[in-house]
Amino acid sequence: MRDRYRDHPHWQACADFCGGYDQNSFDPRYDTPPLEFFEPMVRRVFSSPKHSIYLPDEG
């Protein structure tokens, strides 16, 4: 099905991404860390938002 878009300028980049990253997420044997492994990273990213409607306007 994806080959019908082969003439699109971003087709190859998408195919490379899917082959290198996306497809692995469907392999039950792929070694994936548990969700708890990512929690500190997620908390660090969300601890200091760069842009938010809740932050005072710096303009």
Protein backbone atom coordinates (compact mmCIF):
# COMPACT_ATOMS: atom_id res chain seq x y z
CA MET A 1 0.00 0.00 0.00
CA ARG A 2 2.78 2.43 0.79
CA ASP A 3 4.28 2.11 -2.70
CA ARG A 4 1.48 4.18 -4.17
CA TYR A 5 3.19 7.18 -2.52
CA ARG A 6 6.68 6.32 -3.81
CA ASP A 7 6.79 9.51 -5.94
CA HIS A 8 6.24 11.74 -2.90
CA PRO A 9 9.38 13.72 -1.96
CA HIS A 10 9.32 12.43 1.64
CA TRP A 11 8.58 8.79 0.84
CA GLN A 12 12.12 7.52 1.38
CA ALA A 13 12.52 9.33 4.70
CA CYS A 14 9.27 7.80 5.91
CA ALA A 15 10.26 4.32 4.71
CA ASP A 16 13.64 4.64 6.48
CA PHE A 17 11.99 5.75 9.72
CA CYS A 18 9.42 2.96 9.64
CA GLY A 19 12.06 0.34 8.90
CA GLY A 20 14.44 1.55 11.58
CA TYR A 21 12.10 2.50 14.39
CA ASP A 22 8.38 2.07 13.90
CA GLN A 23 8.39 -1.56 12.80
CA ASN A 24 10.30 -2.60 15.92
CA SER A 25 7.41 -1.50 18.12
CA PHE A 26 5.28 -4.31 16.68
CA ASP A 27 7.79 -7.07 17.42
CA PRO A 28 6.88 -8.74 20.74
CA ARG A 29 10.46 -10.09 21.02
CA TYR A 30 12.00 -6.60 20.76
CA ASP A 31 13.81 -5.77 24.00
CA THR A 32 11.96 -2.78 25.43
CA PRO A 33 12.57 -1.27 28.86
CA PRO A 34 9.58 -1.15 31.21
CA LEU A 35 7.54 2.04 31.40
CA GLU A 36 9.12 2.90 34.77
CA PHE A 37 12.46 3.24 33.00
CA PHE A 38 11.18 6.31 31.15
CA GLU A 39 9.43 7.99 34.09
CA PRO A 40 12.43 10.08 35.27
CA MET A 41 12.98 11.36 31.72
CA VAL A 42 9.33 12.29 31.27
CA ARG A 43 9.24 14.03 34.64
CA ARG A 44 12.40 15.98 33.78
CA VAL A 45 10.98 17.16 30.44
CA PHE A 46 7.67 18.25 31.95
CA SER A 47 9.18 19.83 35.06
CA SER A 48 10.08 23.06 33.28
CA PRO A 49 7.91 23.77 30.24
CA LYS A 50 9.39 26.13 27.68
CA HIS A 51 6.07 27.26 26.27
CA SER A 52 2.76 27.18 28.10
CA ILE A 53 -0.45 29.14 28.22
CA TYR A 54 -0.06 28.96 32.00
CA LEU A 55 3.29 30.77 32.14
CA PRO A 56 3.41 34.55 32.39
CA ASP A 57 3.89 36.30 29.07
CA GLU A 58 7.56 37.21 28.71
CA GLY A 59 6.88 39.69 25.89
